[in-house]
């Protein structure tokens, strides 16, 4: 499924759609590098993917909120998106992930491999 479709599915009412989209996006972010990663990061910002992911941080399903947290963490690093720091600064977007109750008990064992750790 194309990244644009996955971003759209993040906003659907169905938890099944959200789960499929957020897990596939986590895998996509994990295996995307260089210019492709920068393009993916830009796409997520331009197509309201970031606000949708932030909204999912408060979801009751662990796989959904944990995958969203990992995607946001990975997208905010220059190793995934070389433009991340500047783009986030330009967007004036600051997210305090630890303010979400679900962020305090993250278990990355059940999630796809990602580049960031939540130690």
C-alpha atoms as a PDB file:
ATOM      1  CA  UNK A   1       0.000   0.000   0.000  1.00  0.00           C
ATOM      2  CA  UNK A   2       1.296   3.492  -0.851  1.00  0.00           C
ATOM      3  CA  UNK A   3       2.386   5.859   1.907  1.00  0.00           C
ATOM      4  CA  UNK A   4      -0.368   8.318   0.944  1.00  0.00           C
ATOM      5  CA  UNK A   5      -2.980   5.620   1.544  1.00  0.00           C
ATOM      6  CA  UNK A   6      -1.450   4.683   4.897  1.00  0.00           C
ATOM      7  CA  UNK A   7      -1.507   8.312   6.027  1.00  0.00           C
ATOM      8  CA  UNK A   8      -5.165   8.573   5.030  1.00  0.00           C
ATOM      9  CA  UNK A   9      -6.005   5.384   6.934  1.00  0.00           C
ATOM     10  CA  UNK A  10      -4.536   6.840  10.136  1.00  0.00           C
ATOM     11  CA  UNK A  11      -7.586   9.102  10.294  1.00  0.00           C
ATOM     12  CA  UNK A  12     -10.204   6.390   9.781  1.00  0.00           C
ATOM     13  CA  UNK A  13     -12.670   5.353  12.479  1.00  0.00           C
ATOM     14  CA  UNK A  14     -11.818   1.656  12.213  1.00  0.00           C
ATOM     15  CA  UNK A  15      -9.181   0.438  14.665  1.00  0.00           C
ATOM     16  CA  UNK A  16      -8.368  -2.307  12.170  1.00  0.00           C
ATOM     17  CA  UNK A  17      -7.506   0.313   9.528  1.00  0.00           C
ATOM     18  CA  UNK A  18      -5.496   2.383  12.021  1.00  0.00           C
ATOM     19  CA  UNK A  19      -3.568  -0.670  13.213  1.00  0.00           C
ATOM     20  CA  UNK A  20      -2.697  -1.809   9.700  1.00  0.00           C
ATOM     21  CA  UNK A  21      -1.676   1.701   8.659  1.00  0.00           C
ATOM     22  CA  UNK A  22       0.438   2.585  11.691  1.00  0.00           C
ATOM     23  CA  UNK A  23       2.290  -0.762  11.728  1.00  0.00           C
ATOM     24  CA  UNK A  24       3.002  -0.573   7.977  1.00  0.00           C
ATOM     25  CA  UNK A  25       4.164   3.036   8.339  1.00  0.00           C
ATOM     26  CA  UNK A  26       6.471   2.017  11.199  1.00  0.00           C
ATOM     27  CA  UNK A  27       8.021  -0.624   8.949  1.00  0.00           C
ATOM     28  CA  UNK A  28       8.284   1.826   6.052  1.00  0.00           C
ATOM     29  CA  UNK A  29       9.973   4.481   8.198  1.00  0.00           C
ATOM     30  CA  UNK A  30      12.338   1.853   9.587  1.00  0.00           C
ATOM     31  CA  UNK A  31      13.602   0.773   6.172  1.00  0.00           C
ATOM     32  CA  UNK A  32      13.652   4.158   4.406  1.00  0.00           C
ATOM     33  CA  UNK A  33      16.875   6.160   4.169  1.00  0.00           C
ATOM     34  CA  UNK A  34      18.350   9.306   2.630  1.00  0.00           C
ATOM     35  CA  UNK A  35      16.272  11.187   0.109  1.00  0.00           C
ATOM     36  CA  UNK A  36      13.461   8.644   0.330  1.00  0.00           C
ATOM     37  CA  UNK A  37      13.242   9.194   4.091  1.00  0.00           C
ATOM     38  CA  UNK A  38      13.224  12.965   3.627  1.00  0.00           C
ATOM     39  CA  UNK A  39      10.426  12.610   1.073  1.00  0.00           C
ATOM     40  CA  UNK A  40       8.437  10.368   3.413  1.00  0.00           C
ATOM     41  CA  UNK A  41       8.890  12.828   6.283  1.00  0.00           C
ATOM     42  CA  UNK A  42       7.767  15.706   4.088  1.00  0.00           C
ATOM     43  CA  UNK A  43       4.757  13.713   2.915  1.00  0.00           C
ATOM     44  CA  UNK A  44       3.732  12.941   6.494  1.00  0.00           C
ATOM     45  CA  UNK A  45       3.957  16.621   7.413  1.00  0.00           C
ATOM     46  CA  UNK A  46       2.185  17.914   4.295  1.00  0.00           C
ATOM     47  CA  UNK A  47      -0.672  15.396   4.389  1.00  0.00           C
ATOM     48  CA  UNK A  48      -1.522  15.829   8.080  1.00  0.00           C
ATOM     49  CA  UNK A  49       0.185  12.577   9.024  1.00  0.00           C
ATOM     50  CA  UNK A  50       1.963  14.097  12.027  1.00  0.00           C
ATOM     51  CA  UNK A  51      -1.212  15.409  13.717  1.00  0.00           C
ATOM     52  CA  UNK A  52      -2.878  12.050  13.051  1.00  0.00           C
ATOM     53  CA  UNK A  53       0.051  10.216  14.640  1.00  0.00           C
ATOM     54  CA  UNK A  54       0.000  12.572  17.632  1.00  0.00           C
ATOM     55  CA  UNK A  55      -3.715  11.872  18.049  1.00  0.00           C
ATOM     56  CA  UNK A  56      -2.971   8.130  18.069  1.00  0.00           C
ATOM     57  CA  UNK A  57      -0.595   8.515  21.027  1.00  0.00           C
ATOM     58  CA  UNK A  58      -3.646   8.488  23.260  1.00  0.00           C
ATOM     59  CA  UNK A  59      -5.229   5.396  21.663  1.00  0.00           C
ATOM     60  CA  UNK A  60      -6.156   2.545  24.012  1.00  0.00           C
ATOM     61  CA  UNK A  61      -4.563  -0.158  21.828  1.00  0.00           C
ATOM     62  CA  UNK A  62      -0.860  -0.540  22.691  1.00  0.00           C
ATOM     63  CA  UNK A  63       0.221  -1.504  19.163  1.00  0.00           C
ATOM     64  CA  UNK A  64      -1.362   1.697  17.832  1.00  0.00           C
ATOM     65  CA  UNK A  65      -0.001   4.213  20.338  1.00  0.00           C
ATOM     66  CA  UNK A  66       3.411   2.556  20.558  1.00  0.00           C
ATOM     67  CA  UNK A  67       3.841   2.403  16.770  1.00  0.00           C
ATOM     68  CA  UNK A  68       2.755   6.047  16.465  1.00  0.00           C
ATOM     69  CA  UNK A  69       5.294   7.026  19.123  1.00  0.00           C
ATOM     70  CA  UNK A  70       8.094   5.176  17.360  1.00  0.00           C
ATOM     71  CA  UNK A  71       7.240   6.738  13.995  1.00  0.00           C
ATOM     72  CA  UNK A  72       7.235  10.236  15.487  1.00  0.00           C
ATOM     73  CA  UNK A  73      10.494   9.545  17.273  1.00  0.00           C
ATOM     74  CA  UNK A  74      12.147   8.237  14.136  1.00  0.00           C
ATOM     75  CA  UNK A  75      10.851  11.092  11.991  1.00  0.00           C
ATOM     76  CA  UNK A  76      12.260  13.628  14.413  1.00  0.00           C
ATOM     77  CA  UNK A  77      15.814  12.343  13.954  1.00  0.00           C
ATOM     78  CA  UNK A  78      18.161  13.441  11.217  1.00  0.00           C
ATOM     79  CA  UNK A  79      19.262   9.836  10.644  1.00  0.00           C
ATOM     80  CA  UNK A  80      15.824   9.119   9.166  1.00  0.00           C
ATOM     81  CA  UNK A  81      14.948  12.528   7.759  1.00  0.00           C
ATOM     82  CA  UNK A  82      17.909  14.868   7.250  1.00  0.00           C
ATOM     83  CA  UNK A  83      15.461  17.790   7.204  1.00  0.00           C
ATOM     84  CA  UNK A  84      13.613  16.776  10.384  1.00  0.00           C
ATOM     85  CA  UNK A  85      14.968  19.351  12.804  1.00  0.00           C
ATOM     86  CA  UNK A  86      14.489  22.289  10.454  1.00  0.00           C
ATOM     87  CA  UNK A  87      11.095  21.099   9.241  1.00  0.00           C
ATOM     88  CA  UNK A  88       9.798  20.623  12.781  1.00  0.00           C
ATOM     89  CA  UNK A  89      11.124  24.050  13.737  1.00  0.00           C
ATOM     90  CA  UNK A  90       9.461  25.597  10.674  1.00  0.00           C
ATOM     91  CA  UNK A  91       6.180  23.913  11.558  1.00  0.00           C
ATOM     92  CA  UNK A  92       6.478  25.115  15.182  1.00  0.00           C
ATOM     93  CA  UNK A  93       5.516  21.604  16.223  1.00  0.00           C
ATOM     94  CA  UNK A  94       6.648  20.491  19.640  1.00  0.00           C
ATOM     95  CA  UNK A  95       5.183  17.325  21.106  1.00  0.00           C
ATOM     96  CA  UNK A  96       5.798  16.279  24.693  1.00  0.00           C
ATOM     97  CA  UNK A  97       5.396  12.547  24.151  1.00  0.00           C
ATOM     98  CA  UNK A  98       5.953  11.730  27.802  1.00  0.00           C
ATOM     99  CA  UNK A  99       2.815  13.690  28.712  1.00  0.00           C
ATOM    100  CA  UNK A 100       0.751  10.866  27.231  1.00  0.00           C
ATOM    101  CA  UNK A 101      -0.034   8.159  29.803  1.00  0.00           C
ATOM    102  CA  UNK A 102       0.559   5.454  27.201  1.00  0.00           C
ATOM    103  CA  UNK A 103       4.131   6.688  26.675  1.00  0.00           C
ATOM    104  CA  UNK A 104       5.211   5.690  30.169  1.00  0.00           C
ATOM    105  CA  UNK A 105       4.902   1.939  29.677  1.00  0.00           C
ATOM    106  CA  UNK A 106       6.203   1.315  26.180  1.00  0.00           C
ATOM    107  CA  UNK A 107       7.248  -2.201  25.311  1.00  0.00           C
ATOM    108  CA  UNK A 108       9.120  -2.255  22.025  1.00  0.00           C
ATOM    109  CA  UNK A 109       9.404  -6.039  22.002  1.00  0.00           C
ATOM    110  CA  UNK A 110       6.074  -6.457  20.214  1.00  0.00           C
ATOM    111  CA  UNK A 111       6.758  -3.785  17.598  1.00  0.00           C
ATOM    112  CA  UNK A 112       8.635  -3.858  14.312  1.00  0.00           C
ATOM    113  CA  UNK A 113      12.334  -3.052  14.511  1.00  0.00           C
ATOM    114  CA  UNK A 114      12.945   0.706  14.625  1.00  0.00           C
ATOM    115  CA  UNK A 115      15.929   2.990  14.902  1.00  0.00           C
ATOM    116  CA  UNK A 116      15.052   4.697  18.169  1.00  0.00           C
ATOM    117  CA  UNK A 117      14.971   3.235  21.623  1.00  0.00           C
ATOM    118  CA  UNK A 118      12.654   4.311  24.367  1.00  0.00           C
ATOM    119  CA  UNK A 119      14.908   3.541  27.328  1.00  0.00           C
END
